Amino acid sequence: MRCFENIAKLIRTKRINHPKGYSQSELSHLLGYKNGQFISNVERALCNIPLKMLTRVSEVLDIDPIELKSAILKDQEITLENYLEKGRKQQSSVQKEAEVAQTVM
């Protein structure tokens, strides 16, 4: 799973189902961006929403701040799990290399 998948799904769903049915470009402009690429990137889980924009996103898309917070925290938990798992694998690999090196000596 990508690191920003939960926020991506939430933003896309809220944008499409909003009574005004914002396009990516319209939503981007409402948030102060020049084109729709920013929202496209968010909805494809390529990037997260900057913290300074969270209140505005919540207001424009009528997202309950608790729901927004929940999506962000889930994404952060996944990011941490991925990072820690990668670290465990690297540490295990280093330990195996050290064991092999000692048996050769």
PDB file of N, CA and C in Angstrom:
ATOM      1  N   MET A   1       0.846  -1.184   0.000  1.00  0.00           N
ATOM      2  CA  MET A   1       0.000   0.000   0.000  1.00  0.00           C
ATOM      3  C   MET A   1       0.888   1.244   0.000  1.00  0.00           C
ATOM      4  N   ARG A   2       0.488   2.232  -0.773  1.00  0.00           N
ATOM      5  CA  ARG A   2       1.228   3.495  -0.805  1.00  0.00           C
ATOM      6  C   ARG A   2       1.046   4.235   0.507  1.00  0.00           C
ATOM      7  N   CYS A   3       1.961   5.113   0.784  1.00  0.00           N
ATOM      8  CA  CYS A   3       1.970   5.809   2.071  1.00  0.00           C
ATOM      9  C   CYS A   3       0.809   6.780   2.272  1.00  0.00           C
ATOM     10  N   PHE A   4       0.200   7.245   1.196  1.00  0.00           N
ATOM     11  CA  PHE A   4      -0.861   8.250   1.324  1.00  0.00           C
ATOM     12  C   PHE A   4      -2.205   7.734   0.809  1.00  0.00           C
ATOM     13  N   GLU A   5      -2.391   6.433   0.812  1.00  0.00           N
ATOM     14  CA  GLU A   5      -3.574   5.822   0.209  1.00  0.00           C
ATOM     15  C   GLU A   5      -4.883   6.239   0.887  1.00  0.00           C
ATOM     16  N   ASN A   6      -4.906   6.321   2.202  1.00  0.00           N
ATOM     17  CA  ASN A   6      -6.144   6.657   2.915  1.00  0.00           C
ATOM     18  C   ASN A   6      -6.588   8.091   2.650  1.00  0.00           C
ATOM     19  N   ILE A   7      -5.651   9.023   2.700  1.00  0.00           N
ATOM     20  CA  ILE A   7      -6.007  10.416   2.420  1.00  0.00           C
ATOM     21  C   ILE A   7      -6.387  10.569   0.957  1.00  0.00           C
ATOM     22  N   ALA A   8      -5.741   9.815   0.074  1.00  0.00           N
ATOM     23  CA  ALA A   8      -6.059   9.869  -1.357  1.00  0.00           C
ATOM     24  C   ALA A   8      -7.504   9.451  -1.606  1.00  0.00           C
ATOM     25  N   LYS A   9      -7.900   8.340  -1.001  1.00  0.00           N
ATOM     26  CA  LYS A   9      -9.277   7.844  -1.172  1.00  0.00           C
ATOM     27  C   LYS A   9     -10.293   8.833  -0.605  1.00  0.00           C
ATOM     28  N   LEU A  10      -9.982   9.378   0.567  1.00  0.00           N
ATOM     29  CA  LEU A  10     -10.900  10.323   1.203  1.00  0.00           C
ATOM     30  C   LEU A  10     -11.092  11.570   0.342  1.00  0.00           C
ATOM     31  N   ILE A  11     -10.010  12.157  -0.126  1.00  0.00           N
ATOM     32  CA  ILE A  11     -10.094  13.383  -0.927  1.00  0.00           C
ATOM     33  C   ILE A  11     -10.850  13.124  -2.224  1.00  0.00           C
ATOM     34  N   ARG A  12     -10.519  12.036  -2.903  1.00  0.00           N
ATOM     35  CA  ARG A  12     -11.194  11.716  -4.168  1.00  0.00           C
ATOM     36  C   ARG A  12     -12.695  11.509  -3.951  1.00  0.00           C
ATOM     37  N   THR A  13     -13.046  10.729  -2.949  1.00  0.00           N
ATOM     38  CA  THR A  13     -14.456  10.453  -2.665  1.00  0.00           C
ATOM     39  C   THR A  13     -15.208  11.731  -2.322  1.00  0.00           C
ATOM     40  N   LYS A  14     -14.638  12.542  -1.453  1.00  0.00           N
ATOM     41  CA  LYS A  14     -15.307  13.781  -1.041  1.00  0.00           C
ATOM     42  C   LYS A  14     -15.415  14.772  -2.198  1.00  0.00           C
ATOM     43  N   ARG A  15     -14.394  14.835  -3.040  1.00  0.00           N
ATOM     44  CA  ARG A  15     -14.430  15.753  -4.189  1.00  0.00           C
ATOM     45  C   ARG A  15     -15.520  15.333  -5.175  1.00  0.00           C
ATOM     46  N   ILE A  16     -15.552  14.060  -5.516  1.00  0.00           N
ATOM     47  CA  ILE A  16     -16.518  13.565  -6.503  1.00  0.00           C
ATOM     48  C   ILE A  16     -17.944  13.637  -5.975  1.00  0.00           C
ATOM     49  N   ASN A  17     -18.142  13.310  -4.699  1.00  0.00           N
ATOM     50  CA  ASN A  17     -19.490  13.274  -4.125  1.00  0.00           C
ATOM     51  C   ASN A  17     -19.960  14.612  -3.566  1.00  0.00           C
ATOM     52  N   HIS A  18     -19.120  15.618  -3.615  1.00  0.00           N
ATOM     53  CA  HIS A  18     -19.495  16.941  -3.116  1.00  0.00           C
ATOM     54  C   HIS A  18     -20.643  17.483  -3.969  1.00  0.00           C
ATOM     55  N   PRO A  19     -21.597  18.193  -3.360  1.00  0.00           N
ATOM     56  CA  PRO A  19     -22.717  18.743  -4.142  1.00  0.00           C
ATOM     57  C   PRO A  19     -22.281  19.578  -5.350  1.00  0.00           C
ATOM     58  N   LYS A  20     -21.127  20.215  -5.258  1.00  0.00           N
ATOM     59  CA  LYS A  20     -20.641  21.017  -6.386  1.00  0.00           C
ATOM     60  C   LYS A  20     -19.831  20.186  -7.369  1.00  0.00           C
ATOM     61  N   GLY A  21     -19.508  18.941  -7.018  1.00  0.00           N
ATOM     62  CA  GLY A  21     -18.792  18.041  -7.916  1.00  0.00           C
ATOM     63  C   GLY A  21     -17.544  18.657  -8.521  1.00  0.00           C
ATOM     64  N   TYR A  22     -16.657  19.124  -7.674  1.00  0.00           N
ATOM     65  CA  TYR A  22     -15.451  19.805  -8.141  1.00  0.00           C
ATOM     66  C   TYR A  22     -14.595  18.910  -9.039  1.00  0.00           C
ATOM     67  N   SER A  23     -14.029  19.516 -10.072  1.00  0.00           N
ATOM     68  CA  SER A  23     -12.991  18.836 -10.851  1.00  0.00           C
ATOM     69  C   SER A  23     -11.692  18.966 -10.062  1.00  0.00           C
ATOM     70  N   GLN A  24     -10.688  18.211 -10.447  1.00  0.00           N
ATOM     71  CA  GLN A  24      -9.390  18.336  -9.788  1.00  0.00           C
ATOM     72  C   GLN A  24      -8.853  19.755  -9.939  1.00  0.00           C
ATOM     73  N   SER A  25      -9.037  20.314 -11.113  1.00  0.00           N
ATOM     74  CA  SER A  25      -8.553  21.669 -11.377  1.00  0.00           C
ATOM     75  C   SER A  25      -9.289  22.694 -10.510  1.00  0.00           C
ATOM     76  N   GLU A  26     -10.608  22.567 -10.422  1.00  0.00           N
ATOM     77  CA  GLU A  26     -11.389  23.507  -9.602  1.00  0.00           C
ATOM     78  C   GLU A  26     -10.962  23.443  -8.139  1.00  0.00           C
ATOM     79  N   LEU A  27     -10.812  22.227  -7.635  1.00  0.00           N
ATOM     80  CA  LEU A  27     -10.412  22.081  -6.236  1.00  0.00           C
ATOM     81  C   LEU A  27      -9.014  22.652  -6.012  1.00  0.00           C
ATOM     82  N   SER A  28      -8.124  22.383  -6.925  1.00  0.00           N
ATOM     83  CA  SER A  28      -6.768  22.935  -6.812  1.00  0.00           C
ATOM     84  C   SER A  28      -6.796  24.451  -6.746  1.00  0.00           C
ATOM     85  N   HIS A  29      -7.591  25.079  -7.618  1.00  0.00           N
ATOM     86  CA  HIS A  29      -7.695  26.544  -7.622  1.00  0.00           C
ATOM     87  C   HIS A  29      -8.268  27.060  -6.303  1.00  0.00           C
ATOM     88  N   LEU A  30      -9.276  26.375  -5.773  1.00  0.00           N
ATOM     89  CA  LEU A  30      -9.860  26.785  -4.496  1.00  0.00           C
ATOM     90  C   LEU A  30      -8.843  26.696  -3.354  1.00  0.00           C
ATOM     91  N   LEU A  31      -7.868  25.816  -3.525  1.00  0.00           N
ATOM     92  CA  LEU A  31      -6.834  25.656  -2.499  1.00  0.00           C
ATOM     93  C   LEU A  31      -5.612  26.528  -2.754  1.00  0.00           C
ATOM     94  N   GLY A  32      -5.653  27.296  -3.854  1.00  0.00           N
ATOM     95  CA  GLY A  32      -4.568  28.222  -4.142  1.00  0.00           C
ATOM     96  C   GLY A  32      -3.488  27.693  -5.064  1.00  0.00           C
ATOM     97  N   TYR A  33      -3.747  26.571  -5.716  1.00  0.00           N
ATOM     98  CA  TYR A  33      -2.776  26.020  -6.668  1.00  0.00           C
ATOM     99  C   TYR A  33      -3.178  26.420  -8.076  1.00  0.00           C
ATOM    100  N   LYS A  34      -2.208  26.480  -8.982  1.00  0.00           N
ATOM    101  CA  LYS A  34      -2.458  27.000 -10.330  1.00  0.00           C
ATOM    102  C   LYS A  34      -3.110  26.002 -11.275  1.00  0.00           C
ATOM    103  N   ASN A  35      -2.918  24.701 -11.037  1.00  0.00           N
ATOM    104  CA  ASN A  35      -3.547  23.715 -11.918  1.00  0.00           C
ATOM    105  C   ASN A  35      -3.970  22.485 -11.122  1.00  0.00           C
ATOM    106  N   GLY A  36      -4.590  21.540 -11.804  1.00  0.00           N
ATOM    107  CA  GLY A  36      -5.127  20.359 -11.139  1.00  0.00           C
ATOM    108  C   GLY A  36      -4.107  19.298 -10.791  1.00  0.00           C
ATOM    109  N   GLN A  37      -2.860  19.512 -11.151  1.00  0.00           N
ATOM    110  CA  GLN A  37      -1.842  18.484 -10.926  1.00  0.00           C
ATOM    111  C   GLN A  37      -1.678  18.146  -9.448  1.00  0.00           C
ATOM    112  N   PHE A  38      -1.793  19.136  -8.589  1.00  0.00           N
ATOM    113  CA  PHE A  38      -1.628  18.883  -7.157  1.00  0.00           C
ATOM    114  C   PHE A  38      -2.664  17.878  -6.666  1.00  0.00           C
ATOM    115  N   ILE A  39      -3.937  18.122  -6.975  1.00  0.00           N
ATOM    116  CA  ILE A  39      -4.994  17.212  -6.524  1.00  0.00           C
ATOM    117  C   ILE A  39      -4.853  15.858  -7.203  1.00  0.00           C
ATOM    118  N   SER A  40      -4.459  15.852  -8.451  1.00  0.00           N
ATOM    119  CA  SER A  40      -4.202  14.587  -9.139  1.00  0.00           C
ATOM    120  C   SER A  40      -3.146  13.776  -8.392  1.00  0.00           C
ATOM    121  N   ASN A  41      -2.081  14.428  -7.990  1.00  0.00           N
ATOM    122  CA  ASN A  41      -1.014  13.744  -7.249  1.00  0.00           C
ATOM    123  C   ASN A  41      -1.500  13.235  -5.896  1.00  0.00           C
ATOM    124  N   VAL A  42      -2.311  14.027  -5.212  1.00  0.00           N
ATOM    125  CA  VAL A  42      -2.864  13.607  -3.921  1.00  0.00           C
ATOM    126  C   VAL A  42      -3.756  12.385  -4.123  1.00  0.00           C
ATOM    127  N   GLU A  43      -4.640  12.439  -5.118  1.00  0.00           N
ATOM    128  CA  GLU A  43      -5.592  11.349  -5.337  1.00  0.00           C
ATOM    129  C   GLU A  43      -4.925  10.068  -5.838  1.00  0.00           C
ATOM    130  N   ARG A  44      -3.745  10.181  -6.407  1.00  0.00           N
ATOM    131  CA  ARG A  44      -2.990   8.991  -6.825  1.00  0.00           C
ATOM    132  C   ARG A  44      -2.027   8.538  -5.735  1.00  0.00           C
ATOM    133  N   ALA A  45      -2.136   9.148  -4.570  1.00  0.00           N
ATOM    134  CA  ALA A  45      -1.325   8.802  -3.393  1.00  0.00           C
ATOM    135  C   ALA A  45       0.167   9.027  -3.625  1.00  0.00           C
ATOM    136  N   LEU A  46       0.485  10.012  -4.460  1.00  0.00           N
ATOM    137  CA  LEU A  46       1.888  10.337  -4.719  1.00  0.00           C
ATOM    138  C   LEU A  46       2.428  11.358  -3.727  1.00  0.00           C
ATOM    139  N   CYS A  47       1.523  12.129  -3.138  1.00  0.00           N
ATOM    140  CA  CYS A  47       1.947  13.114  -2.145  1.00  0.00           C
ATOM    141  C   CYS A  47       0.820  13.331  -1.146  1.00  0.00           C
ATOM    142  N   ASN A  48       1.159  13.952  -0.060  1.00  0.00           N
ATOM    143  CA  ASN A  48       0.195  14.245   0.986  1.00  0.00           C
ATOM    144  C   ASN A  48      -0.208  15.713   0.902  1.00  0.00           C
ATOM    145  N   ILE A  49      -1.233  16.064   1.615  1.00  0.00           N
ATOM    146  CA  ILE A  49      -1.666  17.454   1.686  1.00  0.00           C
ATOM    147  C   ILE A  49      -0.809  18.158   2.739  1.00  0.00           C
ATOM    148  N   PRO A  50      -0.229  19.305   2.405  1.00  0.00           N
ATOM    149  CA  PRO A  50       0.559  20.033   3.409  1.00  0.00           C
ATOM    150  C   PRO A  50      -0.298  20.381   4.629  1.00  0.00           C
ATOM    151  N   LEU A  51       0.307  20.324   5.789  1.00  0.00           N
ATOM    152  CA  LEU A  51      -0.425  20.609   7.026  1.00  0.00           C
ATOM    153  C   LEU A  51      -1.131  21.956   6.984  1.00  0.00           C
ATOM    154  N   LYS A  52      -0.488  22.955   6.387  1.00  0.00           N
ATOM    155  CA  LYS A  52      -1.084  24.290   6.361  1.00  0.00           C
ATOM    156  C   LYS A  52      -2.362  24.339   5.520  1.00  0.00           C
ATOM    157  N   MET A  53      -2.607  23.307   4.687  1.00  0.00           N
ATOM    158  CA  MET A  53      -3.795  23.271   3.827  1.00  0.00           C
ATOM    159  C   MET A  53      -4.934  22.439   4.408  1.00  0.00           C
ATOM    160  N   LEU A  54      -4.702  21.723   5.503  1.00  0.00           N
ATOM    161  CA  LEU A  54      -5.707  20.793   6.019  1.00  0.00           C
ATOM    162  C   LEU A  54      -7.024  21.468   6.388  1.00  0.00           C
ATOM    163  N   THR A  55      -6.946  22.604   7.047  1.00  0.00           N
ATOM    164  CA  THR A  55      -8.170  23.303   7.440  1.00  0.00           C
ATOM    165  C   THR A  55      -8.956  23.725   6.209  1.00  0.00           C
ATOM    166  N   ARG A  56      -8.270  24.253   5.224  1.00  0.00           N
ATOM    167  CA  ARG A  56      -8.935  24.703   3.988  1.00  0.00           C
ATOM    168  C   ARG A  56      -9.565  23.524   3.246  1.00  0.00           C
ATOM    169  N   VAL A  57      -8.858  22.413   3.134  1.00  0.00           N
ATOM    170  CA  VAL A  57      -9.399  21.217   2.478  1.00  0.00           C
ATOM    171  C   VAL A  57     -10.648  20.748   3.212  1.00  0.00           C
ATOM    172  N   SER A  58     -10.569  20.733   4.527  1.00  0.00           N
ATOM    173  CA  SER A  58     -11.706  20.320   5.349  1.00  0.00           C
ATOM    174  C   SER A  58     -12.920  21.214   5.103  1.00  0.00           C
ATOM    175  N   GLU A  59     -12.691  22.510   5.008  1.00  0.00           N
ATOM    176  CA  GLU A  59     -13.784  23.463   4.775  1.00  0.00           C
ATOM    177  C   GLU A  59     -14.373  23.314   3.376  1.00  0.00           C
ATOM    178  N   VAL A  60     -13.530  23.273   2.360  1.00  0.00           N
ATOM    179  CA  VAL A  60     -13.995  23.247   0.969  1.00  0.00           C
ATOM    180  C   VAL A  60     -14.761  21.965   0.657  1.00  0.00           C
ATOM    181  N   LEU A  61     -14.273  20.836   1.161  1.00  0.00           N
ATOM    182  CA  LEU A  61     -14.902  19.547   0.844  1.00  0.00           C
ATOM    183  C   LEU A  61     -15.862  19.061   1.928  1.00  0.00           C
ATOM    184  N   ASP A  62     -16.102  19.902   2.923  1.00  0.00           N
ATOM    185  CA  ASP A  62     -17.001  19.535   4.031  1.00  0.00           C
ATOM    186  C   ASP A  62     -16.588  18.216   4.680  1.00  0.00           C
ATOM    187  N   ILE A  63     -15.314  18.095   4.981  1.00  0.00           N
ATOM    188  CA  ILE A  63     -14.796  16.892   5.636  1.00  0.00           C
ATOM    189  C   ILE A  63     -14.707  17.160   7.129  1.00  0.00           C
ATOM    190  N   ASP A  64     -15.267  16.265   7.905  1.00  0.00           N
ATOM    191  CA  ASP A  64     -15.157  16.356   9.354  1.00  0.00           C
ATOM    192  C   ASP A  64     -13.671  16.276   9.716  1.00  0.00           C
ATOM    193  N   PRO A  65     -13.168  17.230  10.497  1.00  0.00           N
ATOM    194  CA  PRO A  65     -11.746  17.209  10.856  1.00  0.00           C
ATOM    195  C   PRO A  65     -11.297  15.888  11.491  1.00  0.00           C
ATOM    196  N   ILE A  66     -12.181  15.235  12.223  1.00  0.00           N
ATOM    197  CA  ILE A  66     -11.835  13.949  12.839  1.00  0.00           C
ATOM    198  C   ILE A  66     -11.626  12.887  11.766  1.00  0.00           C
ATOM    199  N   GLU A  67     -12.460  12.909  10.724  1.00  0.00           N
ATOM    200  CA  GLU A  67     -12.312  11.967   9.617  1.00  0.00           C
ATOM    201  C   GLU A  67     -11.000  12.214   8.867  1.00  0.00           C
ATOM    202  N   LEU A  68     -10.676  13.468   8.668  1.00  0.00           N
ATOM    203  CA  LEU A  68      -9.429  13.837   7.996  1.00  0.00           C
ATOM    204  C   LEU A  68      -8.227  13.386   8.827  1.00  0.00           C
ATOM    205  N   LYS A  69      -8.287  13.659  10.111  1.00  0.00           N
ATOM    206  CA  LYS A  69      -7.217  13.253  11.026  1.00  0.00           C
ATOM    207  C   LYS A  69      -7.042  11.735  11.019  1.00  0.00           C
ATOM    208  N   SER A  70      -8.130  11.010  11.029  1.00  0.00           N
ATOM    209  CA  SER A  70      -8.073   9.551  11.028  1.00  0.00           C
ATOM    210  C   SER A  70      -7.367   9.011   9.784  1.00  0.00           C
ATOM    211  N   ALA A  71      -7.700   9.559   8.618  1.00  0.00           N
ATOM    212  CA  ALA A  71      -7.065   9.116   7.367  1.00  0.00           C
ATOM    213  C   ALA A  71      -5.567   9.400   7.395  1.00  0.00           C
ATOM    214  N   ILE A  72      -5.199  10.567   7.884  1.00  0.00           N
ATOM    215  CA  ILE A  72      -3.783  10.941   7.945  1.00  0.00           C
ATOM    216  C   ILE A  72      -3.027  10.036   8.919  1.00  0.00           C
ATOM    217  N   LEU A  73      -3.626   9.768  10.079  1.00  0.00           N
ATOM    218  CA  LEU A  73      -2.962   8.912  11.063  1.00  0.00           C
ATOM    219  C   LEU A  73      -2.795   7.482  10.555  1.00  0.00           C
ATOM    220  N   LYS A  74      -3.790   6.970   9.839  1.00  0.00           N
ATOM    221  CA  LYS A  74      -3.661   5.629   9.247  1.00  0.00           C
ATOM    222  C   LYS A  74      -2.499   5.598   8.261  1.00  0.00           C
ATOM    223  N   ASP A  75      -2.397   6.636   7.446  1.00  0.00           N
ATOM    224  CA  ASP A  75      -1.296   6.706   6.485  1.00  0.00           C
ATOM    225  C   ASP A  75       0.057   6.789   7.191  1.00  0.00           C
ATOM    226  N   GLN A  76       0.123   7.551   8.264  1.00  0.00           N
ATOM    227  CA  GLN A  76       1.378   7.673   9.007  1.00  0.00           C
ATOM    228  C   GLN A  76       1.757   6.344   9.658  1.00  0.00           C
ATOM    229  N   GLU A  77       0.756   5.623  10.145  1.00  0.00           N
ATOM    230  CA  GLU A  77       1.017   4.311  10.742  1.00  0.00           C
ATOM    231  C   GLU A  77       1.600   3.353   9.699  1.00  0.00           C
ATOM    232  N   ILE A  78       1.043   3.362   8.507  1.00  0.00           N
ATOM    233  CA  ILE A  78       1.551   2.520   7.420  1.00  0.00           C
ATOM    234  C   ILE A  78       2.982   2.918   7.069  1.00  0.00           C
ATOM    235  N   THR A  79       3.233   4.214   6.998  1.00  0.00           N
ATOM    236  CA  THR A  79       4.580   4.699   6.697  1.00  0.00           C
ATOM    237  C   THR A  79       5.581   4.204   7.741  1.00  0.00           C
ATOM    238  N   LEU A  80       5.216   4.316   9.012  1.00  0.00           N
ATOM    239  CA  LEU A  80       6.103   3.856  10.083  1.00  0.00           C
ATOM    240  C   LEU A  80       6.327   2.350  10.025  1.00  0.00           C
ATOM    241  N   GLU A  81       5.254   1.595   9.790  1.00  0.00           N
ATOM    242  CA  GLU A  81       5.387   0.139   9.691  1.00  0.00           C
ATOM    243  C   GLU A  81       6.319  -0.243   8.544  1.00  0.00           C
ATOM    244  N   ASN A  82       6.150   0.403   7.401  1.00  0.00           N
ATOM    245  CA  ASN A  82       7.013   0.126   6.247  1.00  0.00           C
ATOM    246  C   ASN A  82       8.469   0.452   6.561  1.00  0.00           C
ATOM    247  N   TYR A  83       8.686   1.580   7.200  1.00  0.00           N
ATOM    248  CA  TYR A  83      10.041   2.010   7.540  1.00  0.00           C
ATOM    249  C   TYR A  83      10.691   1.035   8.520  1.00  0.00           C
ATOM    250  N   LEU A  84       9.941   0.661   9.551  1.00  0.00           N
ATOM    251  CA  LEU A  84      10.487  -0.255  10.551  1.00  0.00           C
ATOM    252  C   LEU A  84      10.746  -1.637   9.960  1.00  0.00           C
ATOM    253  N   GLU A  85       9.862  -2.107   9.112  1.00  0.00           N
ATOM    254  CA  GLU A  85      10.050  -3.405   8.465  1.00  0.00           C
ATOM    255  C   GLU A  85      11.300  -3.390   7.587  1.00  0.00           C
ATOM    256  N   LYS A  86      11.486  -2.313   6.862  1.00  0.00           N
ATOM    257  CA  LYS A  86      12.677  -2.179   6.020  1.00  0.00           C
ATOM    258  C   LYS A  86      13.936  -2.210   6.885  1.00  0.00           C
ATOM    259  N   GLY A  87      13.889  -1.534   8.019  1.00  0.00           N
ATOM    260  CA  GLY A  87      15.025  -1.523   8.939  1.00  0.00           C
ATOM    261  C   GLY A  87      15.315  -2.904   9.503  1.00  0.00           C
ATOM    262  N   ARG A  88      14.258  -3.653   9.847  1.00  0.00           N
ATOM    263  CA  ARG A  88      14.446  -5.010  10.368  1.00  0.00           C
ATOM    264  C   ARG A  88      15.084  -5.910   9.313  1.00  0.00           C
ATOM    265  N   LYS A  89      14.640  -5.783   8.078  1.00  0.00           N
ATOM    266  CA  LYS A  89      15.197  -6.603   7.000  1.00  0.00           C
ATOM    267  C   LYS A  89      16.668  -6.274   6.773  1.00  0.00           C
ATOM    268  N   GLN A  90      16.995  -4.988   6.810  1.00  0.00           N
ATOM    269  CA  GLN A  90      18.391  -4.583   6.627  1.00  0.00           C
ATOM    270  C   GLN A  90      19.255  -5.093   7.768  1.00  0.00           C
ATOM    271  N   GLN A  91      18.744  -4.994   8.983  1.00  0.00           N
ATOM    272  CA  GLN A  91      19.499  -5.452  10.147  1.00  0.00           C
ATOM    273  C   GLN A  91      19.705  -6.962  10.075  1.00  0.00           C
ATOM    274  N   SER A  92      18.687  -7.694   9.689  1.00  0.00           N
ATOM    275  CA  SER A  92      18.783  -9.143   9.547  1.00  0.00           C
ATOM    276  C   SER A  92      19.820  -9.516   8.495  1.00  0.00           C
ATOM    277  N   SER A  93      19.827  -8.787   7.405  1.00  0.00           N
ATOM    278  CA  SER A  93      20.785  -9.033   6.329  1.00  0.00           C
ATOM    279  C   SER A  93      22.214  -8.791   6.800  1.00  0.00           C
ATOM    280  N   VAL A  94      22.420  -7.736   7.556  1.00  0.00           N
ATOM    281  CA  VAL A  94      23.752  -7.417   8.082  1.00  0.00           C
ATOM    282  C   VAL A  94      24.201  -8.502   9.057  1.00  0.00           C
ATOM    283  N   GLN A  95      23.281  -8.975   9.900  1.00  0.00           N
ATOM    284  CA  GLN A  95      23.623 -10.024  10.858  1.00  0.00           C
ATOM    285  C   GLN A  95      24.016 -11.311  10.137  1.00  0.00           C
ATOM    286  N   LYS A  96      23.286 -11.662   9.091  1.00  0.00           N
ATOM    287  CA  LYS A  96      23.603 -12.869   8.325  1.00  0.00           C
ATOM    288  C   LYS A  96      24.971 -12.744   7.666  1.00  0.00           C
ATOM    289  N   GLU A  97      25.272 -11.582   7.128  1.00  0.00           N
ATOM    290  CA  GLU A  97      26.581 -11.354   6.512  1.00  0.00           C
ATOM    291  C   GLU A  97      27.692 -11.491   7.548  1.00  0.00           C
ATOM    292  N   ALA A  98      27.453 -10.981   8.754  1.00  0.00           N
ATOM    293  CA  ALA A  98      28.452 -11.077   9.822  1.00  0.00           C
ATOM    294  C   ALA A  98      28.654 -12.532  10.227  1.00  0.00           C
ATOM    295  N   GLU A  99      27.570 -13.300  10.301  1.00  0.00           N
ATOM    296  CA  GLU A  99      27.671 -14.715  10.652  1.00  0.00           C
ATOM    297  C   GLU A  99      28.446 -15.485   9.588  1.00  0.00           C
ATOM    298  N   VAL A 100      28.172 -15.195   8.333  1.00  0.00           N
ATOM    299  CA  VAL A 100      28.880 -15.850   7.236  1.00  0.00           C
ATOM    300  C   VAL A 100      30.360 -15.490   7.286  1.00  0.00           C
ATOM    301  N   ALA A 101      30.652 -14.240   7.540  1.00  0.00           N
ATOM    302  CA  ALA A 101      32.043 -13.788   7.604  1.00  0.00           C
ATOM    303  C   ALA A 101      32.786 -14.489   8.737  1.00  0.00           C
ATOM    304  N   GLN A 102      32.123 -14.721   9.862  1.00  0.00           N
ATOM    305  CA  GLN A 102      32.776 -15.381  10.997  1.00  0.00           C
ATOM    306  C   GLN A 102      33.011 -16.858  10.716  1.00  0.00           C
ATOM    307  N   THR A 103      32.120 -17.506   9.993  1.00  0.00           N
ATOM    308  CA  THR A 103      32.313 -18.923   9.687  1.00  0.00           C
ATOM    309  C   THR A 103      33.435 -19.122   8.685  1.00  0.00           C
ATOM    310  N   VAL A 104      33.687 -18.130   7.855  1.00  0.00           N
ATOM    311  CA  VAL A 104      34.760 -18.207   6.868  1.00  0.00           C
ATOM    312  C   VAL A 104      36.113 -18.081   7.554  1.00  0.00           C
ATOM    313  N   MET A 105      36.185 -17.317   8.637  1.00  0.00           N
ATOM    314  CA  MET A 105      37.458 -17.067   9.331  1.00  0.00           C
ATOM    315  C   MET A 105      37.860 -18.254  10.096  1.00  0.00           C
TER     316      MET A 105
END
